[in-house]
N, C-alpha and C. Protein backbone atom coordinates (compact mmCIF):
# COMPACT_ATOMS: atom_id res chain seq x y z
N MET A 1 13.46 -23.27 -16.24
CA MET A 1 13.11 -22.14 -17.07
C MET A 1 12.48 -21.07 -16.19
N SER A 2 12.98 -19.85 -16.26
CA SER A 2 12.43 -18.77 -15.45
C SER A 2 11.49 -17.91 -16.30
N THR A 3 10.54 -17.31 -15.59
CA THR A 3 9.57 -16.45 -16.25
C THR A 3 9.91 -15.00 -15.94
N LYS A 4 10.02 -14.19 -16.95
CA LYS A 4 10.31 -12.77 -16.76
C LYS A 4 9.00 -12.01 -16.60
N ILE A 5 8.92 -11.24 -15.56
CA ILE A 5 7.73 -10.43 -15.31
C ILE A 5 8.05 -8.99 -15.68
N ASP A 6 7.28 -8.43 -16.60
CA ASP A 6 7.49 -7.05 -17.02
C ASP A 6 6.85 -6.10 -16.01
N MET A 7 7.70 -5.24 -15.45
CA MET A 7 7.24 -4.26 -14.46
C MET A 7 7.22 -2.90 -15.12
N GLN A 8 6.13 -2.18 -14.96
CA GLN A 8 6.10 -0.80 -15.42
C GLN A 8 5.95 0.09 -14.18
N TRP A 9 6.72 1.16 -14.17
CA TRP A 9 6.70 2.10 -13.06
C TRP A 9 5.79 3.27 -13.45
N LEU A 10 4.71 3.42 -12.70
CA LEU A 10 3.74 4.47 -12.98
C LEU A 10 3.88 5.59 -11.96
N LYS A 11 3.90 6.82 -12.44
CA LYS A 11 4.00 7.96 -11.53
C LYS A 11 2.71 8.08 -10.74
N ALA A 12 2.86 8.07 -9.42
CA ALA A 12 1.70 8.16 -8.53
C ALA A 12 1.43 9.60 -8.12
N CYS A 13 2.48 10.30 -7.68
CA CYS A 13 2.32 11.67 -7.21
C CYS A 13 3.69 12.29 -6.98
N ARG A 14 3.69 13.55 -6.61
CA ARG A 14 4.92 14.21 -6.15
C ARG A 14 5.02 13.94 -4.65
N ILE A 15 6.21 13.95 -4.12
CA ILE A 15 6.41 13.69 -2.69
C ILE A 15 5.54 14.61 -1.85
N GLU A 16 5.49 15.88 -2.20
CA GLU A 16 4.73 16.85 -1.39
C GLU A 16 3.22 16.65 -1.45
N ASP A 17 2.74 15.83 -2.39
CA ASP A 17 1.31 15.54 -2.48
C ASP A 17 0.86 14.44 -1.52
N ALA A 18 1.81 13.69 -0.97
CA ALA A 18 1.49 12.59 -0.07
C ALA A 18 1.15 13.11 1.32
N ILE A 19 0.43 12.31 2.05
CA ILE A 19 0.05 12.65 3.43
C ILE A 19 1.02 11.93 4.37
N GLU A 20 1.69 12.69 5.22
CA GLU A 20 2.61 12.07 6.17
C GLU A 20 1.83 11.20 7.15
N ASN A 21 2.34 9.98 7.33
CA ASN A 21 1.73 9.00 8.23
C ASN A 21 0.27 8.72 7.90
N GLY A 22 -0.03 8.73 6.61
CA GLY A 22 -1.37 8.44 6.13
C GLY A 22 -1.33 7.93 4.71
N GLY A 23 -2.50 7.80 4.12
CA GLY A 23 -2.57 7.24 2.78
C GLY A 23 -3.43 8.06 1.83
N VAL A 24 -3.23 7.81 0.55
CA VAL A 24 -4.06 8.39 -0.50
C VAL A 24 -4.46 7.26 -1.44
N CYS A 25 -5.58 7.44 -2.10
CA CYS A 25 -6.06 6.45 -3.06
C CYS A 25 -5.78 6.94 -4.47
N LEU A 26 -5.28 6.04 -5.31
CA LEU A 26 -4.98 6.34 -6.70
C LEU A 26 -5.61 5.28 -7.58
N LYS A 27 -5.92 5.64 -8.80
CA LYS A 27 -6.37 4.65 -9.76
C LYS A 27 -5.28 4.50 -10.81
N LEU A 28 -4.66 3.33 -10.84
CA LEU A 28 -3.58 3.03 -11.78
C LEU A 28 -3.92 1.73 -12.50
N ASN A 29 -3.86 1.74 -13.81
CA ASN A 29 -4.19 0.54 -14.61
C ASN A 29 -5.53 -0.07 -14.19
N ASN A 30 -6.52 0.78 -13.99
CA ASN A 30 -7.87 0.36 -13.59
C ASN A 30 -7.93 -0.35 -12.25
N GLU A 31 -6.94 -0.14 -11.39
CA GLU A 31 -6.94 -0.69 -10.04
C GLU A 31 -6.87 0.45 -9.04
N GLN A 32 -7.64 0.33 -7.96
CA GLN A 32 -7.52 1.30 -6.87
C GLN A 32 -6.35 0.86 -6.00
N VAL A 33 -5.39 1.77 -5.84
CA VAL A 33 -4.18 1.50 -5.07
C VAL A 33 -4.11 2.49 -3.92
N ALA A 34 -3.76 1.98 -2.74
CA ALA A 34 -3.54 2.82 -1.57
C ALA A 34 -2.04 3.06 -1.45
N LEU A 35 -1.64 4.32 -1.41
CA LEU A 35 -0.23 4.70 -1.27
C LEU A 35 -0.05 5.33 0.10
N PHE A 36 0.92 4.80 0.84
CA PHE A 36 1.16 5.27 2.21
C PHE A 36 2.57 5.83 2.34
N TYR A 37 2.68 6.95 3.06
CA TYR A 37 3.99 7.47 3.44
C TYR A 37 4.08 7.41 4.95
N PHE A 38 4.88 6.48 5.43
CA PHE A 38 5.09 6.26 6.85
C PHE A 38 6.26 7.14 7.26
N ALA A 39 5.99 8.41 7.58
CA ALA A 39 7.04 9.41 7.80
C ALA A 39 7.95 9.05 8.97
N ARG A 40 7.41 8.48 10.01
CA ARG A 40 8.23 8.13 11.18
C ARG A 40 9.32 7.13 10.81
N ARG A 41 9.05 6.32 9.78
CA ARG A 41 10.02 5.34 9.32
C ARG A 41 10.70 5.79 8.04
N ASN A 42 10.22 6.90 7.45
CA ASN A 42 10.68 7.39 6.15
C ASN A 42 10.61 6.28 5.09
N GLU A 43 9.43 5.61 5.04
CA GLU A 43 9.22 4.51 4.11
C GLU A 43 7.90 4.69 3.37
N TRP A 44 7.87 4.20 2.14
CA TRP A 44 6.70 4.26 1.27
C TRP A 44 6.17 2.85 1.03
N TYR A 45 4.85 2.71 0.99
CA TYR A 45 4.22 1.42 0.73
C TYR A 45 3.02 1.62 -0.18
N ALA A 46 2.71 0.61 -0.97
CA ALA A 46 1.51 0.64 -1.80
C ALA A 46 0.83 -0.72 -1.71
N THR A 47 -0.49 -0.68 -1.56
CA THR A 47 -1.29 -1.90 -1.46
C THR A 47 -2.57 -1.72 -2.27
N GLN A 48 -3.31 -2.80 -2.40
CA GLN A 48 -4.65 -2.65 -2.95
C GLN A 48 -5.44 -1.78 -1.98
N ASN A 49 -6.44 -1.07 -2.48
CA ASN A 49 -7.25 -0.21 -1.61
C ASN A 49 -8.41 -0.98 -0.99
N GLU A 50 -8.76 -2.12 -1.56
CA GLU A 50 -9.91 -2.88 -1.08
C GLU A 50 -9.58 -3.71 0.15
N CYS A 51 -10.37 -3.52 1.20
CA CYS A 51 -10.26 -4.38 2.37
C CYS A 51 -10.93 -5.71 2.03
N PRO A 52 -10.22 -6.83 2.13
CA PRO A 52 -10.81 -8.11 1.74
C PRO A 52 -11.89 -8.61 2.70
N HIS A 53 -11.98 -8.04 3.87
CA HIS A 53 -12.94 -8.51 4.87
C HIS A 53 -14.38 -8.26 4.41
N LYS A 54 -14.70 -7.04 4.04
CA LYS A 54 -16.05 -6.70 3.57
C LYS A 54 -16.05 -6.15 2.16
N ARG A 55 -14.87 -6.20 1.50
CA ARG A 55 -14.72 -5.79 0.10
C ARG A 55 -15.09 -4.32 -0.11
N GLN A 56 -14.65 -3.47 0.80
CA GLN A 56 -14.85 -2.03 0.67
C GLN A 56 -13.54 -1.36 0.30
N MET A 57 -13.61 -0.33 -0.55
CA MET A 57 -12.44 0.42 -0.98
C MET A 57 -12.11 1.48 0.08
N ILE A 58 -11.32 1.09 1.08
CA ILE A 58 -11.15 1.97 2.24
C ILE A 58 -9.75 1.95 2.85
N LEU A 59 -8.88 1.06 2.46
CA LEU A 59 -7.59 0.94 3.16
C LEU A 59 -6.74 2.21 3.13
N SER A 60 -6.89 3.04 2.09
CA SER A 60 -6.10 4.27 2.04
C SER A 60 -6.42 5.20 3.20
N ARG A 61 -7.57 5.01 3.84
CA ARG A 61 -7.97 5.83 5.00
C ARG A 61 -7.63 5.17 6.32
N GLY A 62 -6.89 4.06 6.25
CA GLY A 62 -6.56 3.31 7.46
C GLY A 62 -5.51 3.99 8.33
N MET A 63 -5.38 3.49 9.53
CA MET A 63 -4.41 4.00 10.50
C MET A 63 -3.11 3.23 10.37
N LEU A 64 -1.99 3.96 10.29
CA LEU A 64 -0.67 3.33 10.21
C LEU A 64 -0.12 3.08 11.61
N GLY A 65 0.66 2.04 11.72
CA GLY A 65 1.31 1.71 12.99
C GLY A 65 2.32 0.62 12.76
N SER A 66 2.76 0.01 13.84
CA SER A 66 3.74 -1.08 13.76
C SER A 66 3.35 -2.18 14.73
N LEU A 67 3.67 -3.39 14.34
CA LEU A 67 3.58 -4.54 15.22
C LEU A 67 5.00 -5.07 15.32
N GLY A 68 5.69 -4.71 16.39
CA GLY A 68 7.12 -4.98 16.46
C GLY A 68 7.81 -4.16 15.40
N GLU A 69 8.53 -4.82 14.50
CA GLU A 69 9.22 -4.14 13.40
C GLU A 69 8.39 -4.11 12.12
N THR A 70 7.20 -4.69 12.14
CA THR A 70 6.37 -4.80 10.94
C THR A 70 5.47 -3.59 10.79
N PRO A 71 5.61 -2.83 9.69
CA PRO A 71 4.70 -1.71 9.45
C PRO A 71 3.33 -2.25 9.06
N LYS A 72 2.27 -1.61 9.57
CA LYS A 72 0.93 -2.13 9.30
C LYS A 72 -0.07 -1.01 9.06
N VAL A 73 -1.19 -1.41 8.45
CA VAL A 73 -2.33 -0.51 8.29
C VAL A 73 -3.55 -1.24 8.85
N ALA A 74 -4.40 -0.48 9.54
CA ALA A 74 -5.64 -1.04 10.09
C ALA A 74 -6.81 -0.47 9.30
N CYS A 75 -7.71 -1.34 8.86
CA CYS A 75 -8.91 -0.91 8.15
C CYS A 75 -9.72 -0.01 9.09
N PRO A 76 -10.13 1.17 8.64
CA PRO A 76 -10.85 2.08 9.53
C PRO A 76 -12.24 1.58 9.92
N PHE A 77 -12.81 0.67 9.15
CA PHE A 77 -14.15 0.15 9.48
C PHE A 77 -14.09 -1.10 10.33
N HIS A 78 -13.23 -2.05 9.97
CA HIS A 78 -13.27 -3.38 10.57
C HIS A 78 -12.13 -3.66 11.53
N LYS A 79 -11.14 -2.76 11.54
CA LYS A 79 -9.97 -2.87 12.41
C LYS A 79 -9.09 -4.08 12.12
N LYS A 80 -9.29 -4.74 10.98
CA LYS A 80 -8.37 -5.80 10.57
C LYS A 80 -7.06 -5.12 10.19
N THR A 81 -5.93 -5.72 10.57
CA THR A 81 -4.64 -5.11 10.27
C THR A 81 -3.86 -5.97 9.27
N PHE A 82 -3.11 -5.27 8.42
CA PHE A 82 -2.35 -5.92 7.35
C PHE A 82 -0.93 -5.37 7.34
N ALA A 83 0.05 -6.26 7.11
CA ALA A 83 1.44 -5.85 6.98
C ALA A 83 1.59 -5.08 5.68
N LEU A 84 2.16 -3.90 5.75
CA LEU A 84 2.35 -3.08 4.55
C LEU A 84 3.42 -3.63 3.62
N ASP A 85 4.36 -4.38 4.15
CA ASP A 85 5.45 -4.89 3.30
C ASP A 85 5.11 -6.22 2.62
N THR A 86 4.29 -7.06 3.25
CA THR A 86 3.99 -8.37 2.68
C THR A 86 2.51 -8.55 2.32
N GLY A 87 1.62 -7.76 2.92
CA GLY A 87 0.19 -7.90 2.69
C GLY A 87 -0.49 -8.90 3.62
N GLU A 88 0.29 -9.58 4.44
CA GLU A 88 -0.25 -10.59 5.36
C GLU A 88 -1.23 -9.96 6.34
N CYS A 89 -2.33 -10.68 6.62
CA CYS A 89 -3.28 -10.22 7.63
C CYS A 89 -2.67 -10.51 9.00
N LEU A 90 -2.60 -9.49 9.85
CA LEU A 90 -2.00 -9.63 11.17
C LEU A 90 -3.07 -9.84 12.25
N SER A 91 -4.33 -9.97 11.83
CA SER A 91 -5.44 -10.11 12.77
C SER A 91 -5.90 -11.56 12.90
N GLY A 92 -5.09 -12.50 12.42
CA GLY A 92 -5.43 -13.90 12.56
C GLY A 92 -6.35 -14.44 11.48
N GLU A 93 -6.64 -13.64 10.48
CA GLU A 93 -7.50 -14.09 9.38
C GLU A 93 -6.63 -14.72 8.29
N GLU A 94 -7.24 -15.46 7.40
CA GLU A 94 -6.50 -16.08 6.31
C GLU A 94 -6.49 -15.23 5.05
N CYS A 95 -7.01 -14.03 5.10
CA CYS A 95 -7.01 -13.15 3.93
C CYS A 95 -5.70 -12.35 3.90
N ALA A 96 -5.39 -11.81 2.75
CA ALA A 96 -4.19 -10.99 2.59
C ALA A 96 -4.51 -9.92 1.55
N ILE A 97 -3.65 -8.91 1.48
CA ILE A 97 -3.82 -7.86 0.49
C ILE A 97 -2.62 -7.86 -0.46
N LYS A 98 -2.86 -7.37 -1.65
CA LYS A 98 -1.81 -7.25 -2.66
C LYS A 98 -0.94 -6.04 -2.33
N THR A 99 0.36 -6.20 -2.50
CA THR A 99 1.29 -5.08 -2.29
C THR A 99 2.02 -4.80 -3.60
N TYR A 100 2.53 -3.58 -3.71
CA TYR A 100 3.24 -3.14 -4.91
C TYR A 100 4.56 -2.50 -4.49
N PRO A 101 5.61 -2.64 -5.30
CA PRO A 101 6.86 -1.94 -5.00
C PRO A 101 6.70 -0.44 -5.24
N VAL A 102 7.44 0.33 -4.45
CA VAL A 102 7.40 1.80 -4.55
C VAL A 102 8.83 2.30 -4.63
N LYS A 103 9.05 3.33 -5.48
CA LYS A 103 10.36 3.98 -5.52
C LYS A 103 10.13 5.49 -5.63
N VAL A 104 11.11 6.23 -5.14
CA VAL A 104 11.07 7.69 -5.19
C VAL A 104 12.27 8.16 -6.00
N GLU A 105 11.98 8.96 -7.04
CA GLU A 105 13.04 9.51 -7.88
C GLU A 105 12.71 10.94 -8.26
N ASN A 106 13.68 11.82 -8.12
CA ASN A 106 13.55 13.22 -8.55
C ASN A 106 12.27 13.89 -8.03
N GLY A 107 11.94 13.64 -6.78
CA GLY A 107 10.80 14.29 -6.16
C GLY A 107 9.45 13.68 -6.50
N SER A 108 9.44 12.55 -7.23
CA SER A 108 8.18 11.89 -7.59
C SER A 108 8.16 10.47 -7.01
N VAL A 109 6.95 9.98 -6.76
CA VAL A 109 6.74 8.65 -6.22
C VAL A 109 6.18 7.78 -7.36
N PHE A 110 6.78 6.60 -7.53
CA PHE A 110 6.36 5.66 -8.58
C PHE A 110 5.94 4.34 -7.96
N ILE A 111 4.94 3.73 -8.54
CA ILE A 111 4.46 2.42 -8.10
C ILE A 111 4.68 1.43 -9.23
N GLY A 112 5.26 0.30 -8.89
CA GLY A 112 5.53 -0.73 -9.88
C GLY A 112 4.34 -1.66 -10.04
N MET A 113 3.91 -1.82 -11.28
CA MET A 113 2.78 -2.72 -11.57
C MET A 113 3.18 -3.63 -12.71
N THR A 114 2.73 -4.86 -12.65
CA THR A 114 3.02 -5.79 -13.74
C THR A 114 2.21 -5.41 -14.96
N ALA A 115 2.84 -5.53 -16.12
CA ALA A 115 2.18 -5.15 -17.37
C ALA A 115 1.16 -6.19 -17.78
């Protein structure tokens, strides 16, 4: 028996409102979400905004980069790095961050959240 997960797509911003190679913080469904536009890769990512290391709402201000082919964000305070596509901690810690699907349609960016 499979479980159906209801996804709702919430409008986050217009494409021109995003910061190239940086992030912005949004509040969607009472959650702080970090939205990143990795312009060099022409890819969009969304994660929780809270860094699990010290539980600070700061990831949207993190530095974007890559580890091999893996896009990552580094917490600006603690320098812990997380994969933007999977949420895995790349700094050897056992913590991870939540990720959300992102789509772009008609000049707007949408983030998928479970209902």
